[in-house]
N, C-alpha and C. Protein backbone atom coordinates (compact mmCIF):
# COMPACT_ATOMS: atom_id res chain seq x y z
N UNK A 1 -13.61 -2.09 -35.57
CA UNK A 1 -12.99 -1.18 -34.67
C UNK A 1 -13.21 0.02 -35.08
N UNK A 2 -13.95 0.25 -33.94
CA UNK A 2 -14.00 1.96 -33.99
C UNK A 2 -12.86 3.08 -33.83
N UNK A 3 -12.21 4.00 -34.86
CA UNK A 3 -11.36 4.86 -34.48
C UNK A 3 -11.53 5.82 -33.49
N UNK A 4 -10.26 5.96 -32.66
CA UNK A 4 -9.92 7.11 -31.83
C UNK A 4 -10.10 8.11 -32.33
N UNK A 5 -10.35 9.63 -32.20
CA UNK A 5 -9.99 10.79 -32.77
C UNK A 5 -8.61 11.41 -31.77
N UNK A 6 -7.64 11.48 -32.77
CA UNK A 6 -6.53 11.85 -31.85
C UNK A 6 -6.24 13.20 -31.30
N UNK A 7 -7.58 13.93 -31.10
CA UNK A 7 -7.52 15.00 -30.47
C UNK A 7 -8.38 14.76 -29.43
N UNK A 8 -9.28 13.61 -29.43
CA UNK A 8 -9.80 13.16 -28.27
C UNK A 8 -8.82 12.45 -27.38
N UNK A 9 -7.96 11.85 -28.09
CA UNK A 9 -7.05 11.02 -27.00
C UNK A 9 -5.66 11.83 -26.44
N UNK A 10 -5.25 12.81 -27.39
CA UNK A 10 -4.44 13.88 -26.78
C UNK A 10 -5.17 14.82 -25.58
N UNK A 11 -6.35 15.01 -25.64
CA UNK A 11 -7.03 15.41 -24.87
C UNK A 11 -7.03 14.59 -23.20
N UNK A 12 -7.27 13.22 -23.61
CA UNK A 12 -7.70 12.25 -22.04
C UNK A 12 -6.13 12.22 -21.70
N UNK A 13 -4.86 12.50 -22.96
CA UNK A 13 -3.70 11.90 -22.19
C UNK A 13 -3.22 13.16 -21.50
N UNK A 14 -3.74 14.64 -21.85
CA UNK A 14 -3.17 15.54 -20.96
C UNK A 14 -4.49 15.82 -19.40
N UNK A 15 -5.63 14.90 -19.79
CA UNK A 15 -6.11 14.88 -18.52
C UNK A 15 -5.68 14.48 -17.03
N UNK A 16 -5.08 13.22 -17.48
CA UNK A 16 -4.49 12.53 -16.61
C UNK A 16 -2.82 12.80 -16.45
N UNK A 17 -2.22 13.39 -16.69
CA UNK A 17 -0.98 14.39 -16.65
C UNK A 17 -0.44 14.86 -15.31
N UNK A 18 -1.65 15.69 -14.78
CA UNK A 18 -1.45 16.19 -13.64
C UNK A 18 -1.86 15.75 -12.68
N UNK A 19 -1.99 14.43 -12.51
CA UNK A 19 -2.56 14.01 -11.29
C UNK A 19 -1.67 13.19 -10.26
N UNK A 20 -1.99 13.36 -9.21
CA UNK A 20 -0.77 12.88 -8.11
C UNK A 20 -0.45 12.00 -8.47
N UNK A 21 -1.52 10.59 -8.44
CA UNK A 21 -0.98 9.22 -8.08
C UNK A 21 -1.35 8.12 -10.00
N UNK A 22 -0.61 7.66 -10.11
CA UNK A 22 -1.12 6.98 -11.09
C UNK A 22 -1.34 5.36 -10.83
N UNK A 23 -2.66 5.23 -9.90
CA UNK A 23 -3.32 3.91 -10.01
C UNK A 23 -4.08 3.51 -10.91
N UNK A 24 -3.47 2.27 -11.78
CA UNK A 24 -3.70 1.45 -12.60
C UNK A 24 -4.47 0.20 -12.11
N UNK A 25 -5.98 -0.19 -12.88
CA UNK A 25 -6.13 -1.39 -12.41
C UNK A 25 -5.76 -2.53 -13.01
N UNK A 26 -5.25 -3.39 -12.61
CA UNK A 26 -4.57 -4.85 -13.14
C UNK A 26 -6.16 -5.86 -14.08
N UNK A 27 -5.42 -6.48 -14.72
CA UNK A 27 -6.37 -7.56 -15.18
C UNK A 27 -7.18 -8.11 -14.50
N UNK A 28 -6.67 -8.87 -13.25
CA UNK A 28 -7.28 -9.30 -12.49
C UNK A 28 -7.78 -8.70 -11.29
N UNK A 29 -8.43 -7.58 -11.32
CA UNK A 29 -9.01 -6.84 -10.19
C UNK A 29 -8.55 -6.13 -9.36
N UNK A 30 -7.08 -6.42 -9.35
CA UNK A 30 -6.36 -5.52 -8.42
C UNK A 30 -6.11 -4.05 -8.72
N UNK A 31 -5.43 -3.16 -8.01
CA UNK A 31 -4.93 -1.55 -8.44
C UNK A 31 -3.72 -1.73 -7.89
N UNK A 32 -2.89 -1.39 -8.60
CA UNK A 32 -1.20 -1.39 -8.15
C UNK A 32 -1.13 -0.39 -7.95
N UNK A 33 -0.04 0.50 -7.23
CA UNK A 33 0.76 1.65 -6.55
C UNK A 33 2.19 1.37 -6.92
N UNK A 34 2.98 2.41 -7.42
CA UNK A 34 4.15 2.38 -7.17
C UNK A 34 4.62 3.62 -6.18
N UNK A 35 4.94 3.07 -4.60
CA UNK A 35 5.24 4.29 -3.78
C UNK A 35 6.41 4.72 -4.01
N UNK A 36 7.38 4.10 -4.43
CA UNK A 36 8.81 4.45 -4.25
C UNK A 36 9.72 4.18 -5.45
N UNK A 37 10.65 4.74 -6.26
CA UNK A 37 11.34 4.01 -7.08
C UNK A 37 12.68 4.70 -6.88
N UNK A 38 14.00 4.07 -6.40
CA UNK A 38 14.83 4.56 -6.23
C UNK A 38 16.10 4.40 -7.13
N UNK A 39 16.80 4.99 -7.58
CA UNK A 39 18.44 4.62 -8.68
C UNK A 39 19.17 4.69 -7.49
N UNK A 40 19.93 3.08 -7.91
CA UNK A 40 21.11 2.39 -6.71
C UNK A 40 21.87 2.29 -7.59
N UNK A 41 23.47 2.82 -7.09
CA UNK A 41 24.61 2.81 -8.22
C UNK A 41 25.50 1.93 -7.82
N UNK A 42 26.14 1.01 -8.15
CA UNK A 42 26.88 0.35 -7.64
C UNK A 42 28.68 0.65 -8.29
N UNK A 43 29.55 1.03 -7.40
CA UNK A 43 30.76 1.58 -7.90
C UNK A 43 31.72 0.41 -8.18
N UNK A 44 32.09 0.09 -9.33
CA UNK A 44 33.13 -0.99 -9.49
C UNK A 44 34.16 -0.54 -10.21
N UNK A 45 35.13 -1.19 -10.59
CA UNK A 45 36.49 -1.19 -11.43
C UNK A 45 36.04 0.57 -12.62
N UNK A 46 35.12 -0.60 -13.25
CA UNK A 46 35.17 0.66 -14.60
C UNK A 46 34.07 1.31 -14.62
N UNK A 47 33.60 2.27 -13.45
CA UNK A 47 32.86 3.16 -13.46
C UNK A 47 31.51 2.61 -12.36
N UNK A 48 30.68 3.15 -12.70
CA UNK A 48 29.02 2.95 -11.90
C UNK A 48 28.09 2.26 -12.76
N UNK A 49 27.64 1.15 -11.79
CA UNK A 49 26.79 0.80 -12.46
C UNK A 49 25.36 1.01 -11.74
N UNK A 50 24.19 1.35 -13.05
CA UNK A 50 23.22 1.77 -12.04
C UNK A 50 22.16 0.36 -12.30
N UNK A 51 21.43 0.79 -11.34
CA UNK A 51 20.25 -0.47 -11.09
C UNK A 51 19.15 0.16 -9.85
N UNK A 52 17.96 -0.25 -10.31
CA UNK A 52 16.73 0.46 -9.58
C UNK A 52 16.26 -0.05 -8.73
N UNK A 53 15.20 0.19 -7.99
CA UNK A 53 14.54 -0.86 -6.48
C UNK A 53 13.45 -0.10 -6.44
N UNK A 54 12.28 -0.51 -6.64
CA UNK A 54 10.85 -0.10 -6.64
C UNK A 54 10.37 -1.00 -5.39
N UNK A 55 9.47 0.30 -4.85
CA UNK A 55 8.78 -0.42 -3.61
C UNK A 55 6.88 -0.35 -4.19
N UNK A 56 6.43 -1.26 -4.01
CA UNK A 56 5.17 -1.47 -4.91
C UNK A 56 4.02 -2.07 -3.81
N UNK A 57 2.68 -1.65 -3.92
CA UNK A 57 1.71 -1.93 -3.17
C UNK A 57 0.54 -2.20 -4.33
N UNK A 58 0.18 -3.53 -3.82
CA UNK A 58 -1.01 -4.10 -4.51
C UNK A 58 -2.39 -4.32 -3.85
N UNK A 59 -3.55 -3.68 -4.17
CA UNK A 59 -4.61 -4.09 -3.52
C UNK A 59 -6.00 -4.23 -4.63
N UNK A 60 -6.92 -4.74 -3.81
CA UNK A 60 -8.57 -5.05 -4.49
C UNK A 60 -9.60 -3.97 -3.81
N UNK A 61 -9.22 -3.09 -2.60
CA UNK A 61 -10.13 -1.82 -2.70
C UNK A 61 -11.18 -2.72 -1.49
N UNK A 62 -11.34 -3.98 -1.09
CA UNK A 62 -12.08 -4.83 -0.35
C UNK A 62 -11.87 -5.67 0.79
N UNK A 63 -10.43 -5.20 1.33
CA UNK A 63 -10.16 -5.79 2.30
C UNK A 63 -8.81 -7.03 2.04
N UNK A 64 -8.13 -6.87 1.10
CA UNK A 64 -7.13 -7.51 0.96
C UNK A 64 -5.96 -6.52 -0.08
N UNK A 65 -4.66 -6.47 0.62
CA UNK A 65 -3.29 -6.07 0.46
C UNK A 65 -2.03 -6.54 0.24
N UNK A 66 -1.50 -6.22 -0.21
CA UNK A 66 0.31 -6.66 -0.41
C UNK A 66 0.82 -5.91 -1.17
N UNK A 67 2.38 -5.61 -0.35
CA UNK A 67 3.37 -5.08 -0.56
C UNK A 67 4.58 -6.08 -0.85
N UNK A 68 5.16 -5.40 -2.01
CA UNK A 68 6.54 -6.14 -2.70
C UNK A 68 7.43 -4.93 -3.26
N UNK A 69 9.20 -5.57 -2.95
CA UNK A 69 10.03 -4.55 -3.90
C UNK A 69 10.49 -5.84 -4.90
N UNK A 70 11.25 -5.03 -5.75
CA UNK A 70 11.72 -5.36 -6.54
C UNK A 70 12.69 -4.46 -7.37
N UNK A 71 14.26 -5.34 -7.49
CA UNK A 71 15.43 -4.46 -8.18
C UNK A 71 15.71 -5.61 -9.56
N UNK A 72 16.03 -4.24 -10.24
CA UNK A 72 16.74 -4.89 -11.76
C UNK A 72 17.51 -3.74 -12.43
N UNK A 73 17.78 -3.80 -13.37
CA UNK A 73 18.71 -2.70 -14.13
C UNK A 73 18.09 -2.27 -14.91
N UNK A 74 16.20 -2.17 -14.84
CA UNK A 74 15.50 -0.95 -15.75
C UNK A 74 14.36 -0.60 -14.86
N UNK A 75 14.12 0.11 -14.93
CA UNK A 75 13.01 0.62 -14.58
C UNK A 75 11.57 0.03 -14.50
N UNK A 76 11.27 -0.27 -15.59
CA UNK A 76 9.86 -1.53 -15.96
C UNK A 76 10.25 -2.43 -15.32
N UNK A 77 11.23 -2.96 -15.25
CA UNK A 77 11.34 -4.77 -14.97
C UNK A 77 11.57 -4.45 -13.48
N UNK A 78 12.11 -3.56 -12.82
CA UNK A 78 11.97 -3.52 -11.63
C UNK A 78 10.53 -3.34 -10.70
N UNK A 79 10.11 -2.57 -11.50
CA UNK A 79 8.46 -2.25 -11.22
C UNK A 79 7.49 -3.18 -11.53
N UNK A 80 7.79 -4.30 -12.66
CA UNK A 80 7.44 -5.71 -12.95
C UNK A 80 7.50 -6.45 -11.61
N UNK A 81 8.92 -6.37 -11.18
CA UNK A 81 9.48 -7.62 -10.05
C UNK A 81 8.75 -7.01 -8.98
N UNK A 82 8.34 -5.74 -8.56
CA UNK A 82 7.86 -5.31 -7.18
C UNK A 82 6.13 -5.41 -7.35
N UNK A 83 5.71 -5.63 -8.39
CA UNK A 83 4.42 -5.73 -8.58
C UNK A 83 4.06 -7.54 -8.04
N UNK A 84 5.01 -8.25 -8.95
CA UNK A 84 4.59 -9.61 -8.70
C UNK A 84 5.07 -9.79 -7.21
N UNK A 85 6.12 -9.57 -7.00
CA UNK A 85 6.26 -9.67 -5.28
C UNK A 85 5.25 -9.39 -3.99
N UNK A 86 4.31 -8.15 -4.78
CA UNK A 86 3.47 -7.82 -3.65
C UNK A 86 2.33 -8.70 -4.07
N UNK A 87 1.93 -9.34 -5.16
CA UNK A 87 0.84 -10.09 -5.30
C UNK A 87 1.30 -11.25 -4.70
N UNK A 88 2.20 -11.77 -4.54
CA UNK A 88 2.32 -12.90 -4.04
C UNK A 88 2.58 -12.90 -2.37
N UNK A 89 2.68 -12.14 -2.07
CA UNK A 89 2.43 -11.75 -0.58
C UNK A 89 1.12 -10.31 0.14
N UNK A 90 0.02 -11.19 -0.53
CA UNK A 90 -1.37 -10.63 -0.45
C UNK A 90 -1.76 -10.68 1.03
N UNK A 91 -2.63 -9.88 1.95
CA UNK A 91 -3.15 -10.24 3.05
C UNK A 91 -4.61 -10.29 3.62
N UNK A 92 -5.03 -10.72 3.60
CA UNK A 92 -6.42 -9.98 4.09
C UNK A 92 -6.53 -9.66 5.51
N UNK A 93 -6.79 -8.32 5.32
CA UNK A 93 -7.36 -7.80 6.78
C UNK A 93 -8.55 -7.76 7.69
N UNK A 94 -8.71 -7.36 8.55
CA UNK A 94 -9.98 -7.54 9.63
C UNK A 94 -10.45 -6.41 9.76
N UNK A 95 -11.80 -5.84 9.04
CA UNK A 95 -12.21 -4.58 9.12
C UNK A 95 -13.56 -4.64 10.11
N UNK A 96 -13.93 -3.52 10.22
CA UNK A 96 -15.40 -2.98 11.00
C UNK A 96 -15.77 -2.14 10.36
N UNK A 97 -16.92 -2.92 9.49
CA UNK A 97 -17.47 -1.84 8.67
C UNK A 97 -16.51 -0.99 7.68
N UNK A 98 -16.52 0.23 7.79
CA UNK A 98 -15.39 0.62 6.77
C UNK A 98 -14.08 1.19 7.49
N UNK A 99 -13.73 1.11 8.57
CA UNK A 99 -12.52 1.14 9.42
C UNK A 99 -11.96 0.11 9.91
N UNK A 100 -10.86 0.52 10.97
CA UNK A 100 -10.70 -0.95 11.54
C UNK A 100 -11.16 -1.44 12.90
N UNK A 101 -11.01 -2.14 13.45
CA UNK A 101 -11.84 -2.74 14.49
C UNK A 101 -11.15 -1.96 16.08
N UNK A 102 -9.85 -1.81 16.10
CA UNK A 102 -9.36 -1.12 17.13
C UNK A 102 -8.03 -0.37 16.70
N UNK A 103 -7.55 0.32 18.14
CA UNK A 103 -6.41 1.07 17.39
C UNK A 103 -4.62 0.28 17.25
N UNK A 104 -3.99 0.84 17.06
CA UNK A 104 -2.81 -0.17 17.02
C UNK A 104 -1.77 0.62 16.52
N UNK A 105 -0.43 0.61 17.28
CA UNK A 105 1.12 1.09 16.83
C UNK A 105 1.80 0.06 16.38
N UNK A 106 2.38 -0.08 15.37
CA UNK A 106 3.51 -0.68 14.87
C UNK A 106 4.82 -0.09 14.41
N UNK A 107 5.74 -0.76 15.14
CA UNK A 107 7.13 -0.43 14.56
C UNK A 107 7.79 -1.15 13.82
N UNK A 108 8.12 -0.23 12.63
CA UNK A 108 9.56 -1.34 11.88
C UNK A 108 10.60 -0.54 11.63
N UNK A 109 11.96 -1.04 11.75
CA UNK A 109 12.90 0.05 11.79
C UNK A 109 12.73 1.39 12.39
N UNK A 110 12.74 2.40 12.23
CA UNK A 110 13.05 3.16 12.74
C UNK A 110 11.27 4.17 12.89
N UNK A 111 10.71 3.78 11.85
CA UNK A 111 9.47 4.01 11.41
C UNK A 111 8.32 3.62 12.40
N UNK A 112 7.88 3.98 13.34
CA UNK A 112 6.17 3.81 13.83
C UNK A 112 5.34 4.50 13.41
N UNK A 113 4.07 3.59 13.30
CA UNK A 113 3.25 3.94 12.65
C UNK A 113 1.77 3.61 13.90
N UNK A 114 0.61 4.72 13.93
CA UNK A 114 -0.40 4.50 14.88
C UNK A 114 -1.47 4.74 13.72
N UNK A 115 -2.78 3.54 13.77
CA UNK A 115 -3.58 3.40 13.38
C UNK A 115 -4.98 3.53 14.10
N UNK A 116 -5.91 4.54 13.80
CA UNK A 116 -6.70 4.66 14.69
C UNK A 116 -8.48 4.78 13.95
N UNK A 117 -9.46 4.09 14.19
CA UNK A 117 -10.16 4.17 13.83
C UNK A 117 -11.40 5.05 13.43
N UNK A 118 -12.05 5.33 12.52
CA UNK A 118 -12.59 6.94 12.66
C UNK A 118 -14.23 6.55 12.38
N UNK A 119 -15.09 7.76 12.22
CA UNK A 119 -16.49 7.83 12.42
C UNK A 119 -16.90 7.59 10.65
N UNK A 120 -17.71 7.04 10.26
CA UNK A 120 -17.96 6.93 8.93
C UNK A 120 -17.92 8.31 8.35
N UNK A 121 -17.36 8.82 7.02
CA UNK A 121 -17.77 10.11 6.77
C UNK A 121 -15.53 11.05 6.57
N UNK A 122 -14.91 10.28 7.59
CA UNK A 122 -14.43 11.01 7.96
C UNK A 122 -12.89 10.79 6.56
N UNK A 123 -12.91 9.69 6.12
CA UNK A 123 -12.22 9.79 5.01
C UNK A 123 -10.61 9.08 5.81
N UNK A 124 -9.93 8.56 4.44
CA UNK A 124 -8.25 8.25 5.30
C UNK A 124 -7.38 9.74 5.25
N UNK A 125 -7.19 9.58 6.56
CA UNK A 125 -6.20 10.94 6.68
C UNK A 125 -4.77 10.32 7.15
N UNK A 126 -3.92 10.23 6.51
CA UNK A 126 -2.95 9.53 6.56
C UNK A 126 -1.66 10.16 5.99
N UNK A 127 -0.71 10.18 6.42
CA UNK A 127 0.48 10.93 5.15
C UNK A 127 1.47 9.79 4.58
N UNK A 128 2.00 10.43 3.72
CA UNK A 128 3.29 9.84 3.23
C UNK A 128 3.01 8.47 2.83
N UNK A 129 4.09 7.48 3.26
CA UNK A 129 4.13 5.92 2.38
C UNK A 129 2.66 5.25 3.09
N UNK A 130 1.85 5.42 4.10
CA UNK A 130 1.12 4.56 4.42
C UNK A 130 -0.20 4.97 3.84
N UNK A 131 -0.90 6.28 2.92
CA UNK A 131 -1.52 6.36 2.56
C UNK A 131 -2.05 5.08 1.55
N UNK A 132 -1.08 5.04 0.61
CA UNK A 132 -1.56 4.32 -0.51
C UNK A 132 -1.67 2.47 0.27
N UNK A 133 -1.57 2.46 1.20
CA UNK A 133 -1.79 1.06 1.79
C UNK A 133 -2.96 1.00 2.38
N UNK A 134 -3.31 2.03 3.20
CA UNK A 134 -4.50 1.89 3.67
C UNK A 134 -5.51 2.34 2.50
N UNK A 135 -5.60 2.94 1.25
CA UNK A 135 -6.39 2.93 0.42
C UNK A 135 -6.62 2.04 -0.40
N UNK A 136 -5.81 1.21 -0.63
CA UNK A 136 -5.68 -0.24 -1.46
C UNK A 136 -6.45 -1.11 -0.76
N UNK A 137 -6.31 -0.70 0.66
CA UNK A 137 -7.27 -2.37 1.58
C UNK A 137 -8.21 -2.04 1.52
N UNK A 138 -9.14 -1.15 1.22
CA UNK A 138 -10.63 -0.91 1.08
C UNK A 138 -10.84 -0.14 1.96
N UNK A 139 -9.92 0.59 3.31
CA UNK A 139 -10.48 1.21 4.46
C UNK A 139 -11.05 2.72 3.87
N UNK A 140 -11.96 3.16 4.46
CA UNK A 140 -12.44 4.26 3.86
C UNK A 140 -12.33 5.46 4.75
N UNK A 141 -12.30 4.76 6.51
CA UNK A 141 -12.41 6.21 7.41
C UNK A 141 -11.15 5.63 8.53
N UNK A 142 -10.38 6.16 8.32
CA UNK A 142 -8.84 5.92 9.12
C UNK A 142 -8.44 7.04 9.51
N UNK A 143 -7.60 7.08 10.57
CA UNK A 143 -6.64 7.85 11.32
C UNK A 143 -5.26 7.54 11.21
N UNK A 144 -4.13 8.13 10.73
CA UNK A 144 -3.33 7.24 10.76
C UNK A 144 -1.87 8.70 11.03
N UNK A 145 -1.04 7.72 11.99
CA UNK A 145 0.04 8.88 11.98
C UNK A 145 1.75 8.32 11.87
N UNK A 146 2.45 9.38 11.40
CA UNK A 146 3.77 8.44 11.70
C UNK A 146 4.75 9.24 12.41
N UNK A 147 5.43 8.31 13.12
CA UNK A 147 6.23 8.97 14.01
C UNK A 147 7.90 8.40 13.91
N UNK A 148 8.82 8.98 14.33
CA UNK A 148 10.01 8.59 13.87
C UNK A 148 10.44 8.92 12.49
N UNK A 149 11.29 7.87 11.42
CA UNK A 149 12.02 8.04 10.40
C UNK A 149 10.61 8.23 9.14
N UNK A 150 10.96 9.07 8.59
CA UNK A 150 9.63 8.49 7.32
C UNK A 150 10.33 8.09 6.11
N UNK A 151 11.10 7.11 6.35
CA UNK A 151 11.41 6.39 5.43
C UNK A 151 10.29 5.57 4.85
N UNK A 152 10.16 5.56 3.23
CA UNK A 152 9.01 5.43 2.49
C UNK A 152 8.89 3.57 3.13
N UNK A 153 10.18 3.01 2.83
CA UNK A 153 10.46 1.66 3.22
C UNK A 153 9.81 0.96 4.18
N UNK A 154 10.34 1.84 5.06
CA UNK A 154 9.96 0.83 6.95
C UNK A 154 8.61 1.58 7.03
N UNK A 155 8.42 2.52 6.89
CA UNK A 155 6.88 3.38 6.60
C UNK A 155 5.27 2.21 6.10
N UNK A 156 5.79 2.06 5.16
CA UNK A 156 4.93 0.47 4.21
C UNK A 156 4.62 -0.66 5.56
N UNK A 157 6.13 -0.71 5.62
CA UNK A 157 6.13 -2.19 6.07
C UNK A 157 5.86 -1.93 7.21
N UNK A 158 5.51 -1.22 8.29
CA UNK A 158 4.86 -0.70 9.99
C UNK A 158 3.45 -0.95 9.44
N UNK A 159 3.19 0.30 8.42
CA UNK A 159 1.57 -0.07 8.02
C UNK A 159 0.87 -1.21 7.59
N UNK A 160 1.76 -1.92 6.70
CA UNK A 160 1.30 -3.43 6.65
C UNK A 160 1.19 -4.54 7.74
N UNK A 161 2.39 -4.43 8.57
CA UNK A 161 2.22 -5.22 9.91
C UNK A 161 1.31 -4.86 10.60
N UNK A 162 1.11 -3.13 11.03
CA UNK A 162 0.02 -3.33 11.63
C UNK A 162 -1.61 -4.19 11.38
N UNK A 163 -1.74 -4.14 9.99
CA UNK A 163 -2.94 -4.23 9.15
C UNK A 163 -3.37 -5.84 9.51
N UNK A 164 -1.77 -6.07 9.52
CA UNK A 164 -1.75 -8.20 9.64
C UNK A 164 -2.31 -8.45 11.32
N UNK A 165 -1.80 -7.64 11.98
CA UNK A 165 -1.92 -7.63 13.44
C UNK A 165 -3.30 -7.34 13.74
N UNK A 166 -4.34 -6.64 12.93
CA UNK A 166 -5.30 -6.36 13.54
C UNK A 166 -5.93 -7.96 14.25
N UNK A 167 -7.28 -7.78 14.74
CA UNK A 167 -7.91 -8.66 15.18
C UNK A 167 -9.52 -8.12 15.75
N UNK A 168 -10.09 -9.11 14.86
CA UNK A 168 -11.56 -8.67 15.58
C UNK A 168 -12.16 -9.13 16.76
N UNK A 169 -13.16 -8.87 17.02
CA UNK A 169 -13.72 -8.84 18.74
C UNK A 169 -14.07 -10.46 18.69
N UNK A 170 -14.11 -11.22 17.99
CA UNK A 170 -14.78 -12.94 17.87
C UNK A 170 -13.63 -13.50 17.79
N UNK A 171 -12.58 -13.06 17.36
CA UNK A 171 -10.68 -13.88 17.13
C UNK A 171 -10.38 -13.80 18.37
N UNK A 172 -10.26 -12.41 19.20
CA UNK A 172 -9.81 -12.30 20.34
C UNK A 172 -10.68 -13.12 21.33
N UNK A 173 -12.13 -13.43 21.20
CA UNK A 173 -12.64 -14.14 22.44
C UNK A 173 -12.53 -15.68 22.16
N UNK A 174 -12.05 -16.07 20.76
CA UNK A 174 -11.44 -17.57 20.53
C UNK A 174 -10.59 -18.04 21.24
N UNK A 175 -9.56 -16.68 20.89
CA UNK A 175 -8.50 -17.30 21.30
C UNK A 175 -8.12 -17.00 22.95
N UNK A 176 -8.67 -16.50 23.68
CA UNK A 176 -9.18 -16.40 25.47
C UNK A 176 -10.34 -17.90 25.63
N UNK A 177 -10.84 -18.36 24.49
CA UNK A 177 -11.71 -19.48 25.11
C UNK A 177 -13.09 -18.57 25.80
N UNK A 178 -13.43 -17.73 25.58
CA UNK A 178 -14.49 -16.74 25.56
C UNK A 178 -15.66 -16.76 24.38
N UNK A 179 -16.72 -16.38 25.15
CA UNK A 179 -17.98 -16.09 24.29
C UNK A 179 -17.94 -14.34 23.76
N UNK A 180 -18.25 -14.25 22.67
CA UNK A 180 -18.21 -13.10 22.11
C UNK A 180 -19.13 -12.00 22.99
N UNK A 181 -20.26 -12.57 23.56
CA UNK A 181 -21.13 -11.75 24.72
C UNK A 181 -20.60 -11.31 26.05
N UNK A 182 -19.59 -12.36 26.27
CA UNK A 182 -18.38 -11.80 27.40
C UNK A 182 -17.25 -10.55 27.65
N UNK A 183 -17.35 -10.18 26.16
CA UNK A 183 -16.23 -8.86 26.15
C UNK A 183 -17.14 -8.01 26.17
């Protein structure tokens, strides 16, 4: 086995330090992102008991995405539980090329998310917690807007439910009992 020069290792660590997000590919071809990590403290007679809550997103960038939450006394355990929960709740989304087939709005709690298809080359125009969900789903061209509360948990869930509710023209025609040409 070849040894890695310690200076090369240090340089590679420094190069990755300033990045905005730490997206790590998982062994099964999935990419995982932790959107939010919160410290929650329970006050009891003897003092405060700290606990952590992690909101995680997992996707393969080919049309499958999942979200999950995990709670534990330590950050690593909370993150691991969140990623496992996200893997269990993965869905396959309907796409039209590199974008979504139609506009959709979804509300979850006080957060509302509007998703609109965009022309090729536009990129992912989304803010806050909606961006990682859309990127890990494999959508390359989309415009998203958050309204109301910008609570990360509710924004991620609203985005996820909007992606789940997408339907292609063929699915709509089948539900109505018509041919695709009739639309």
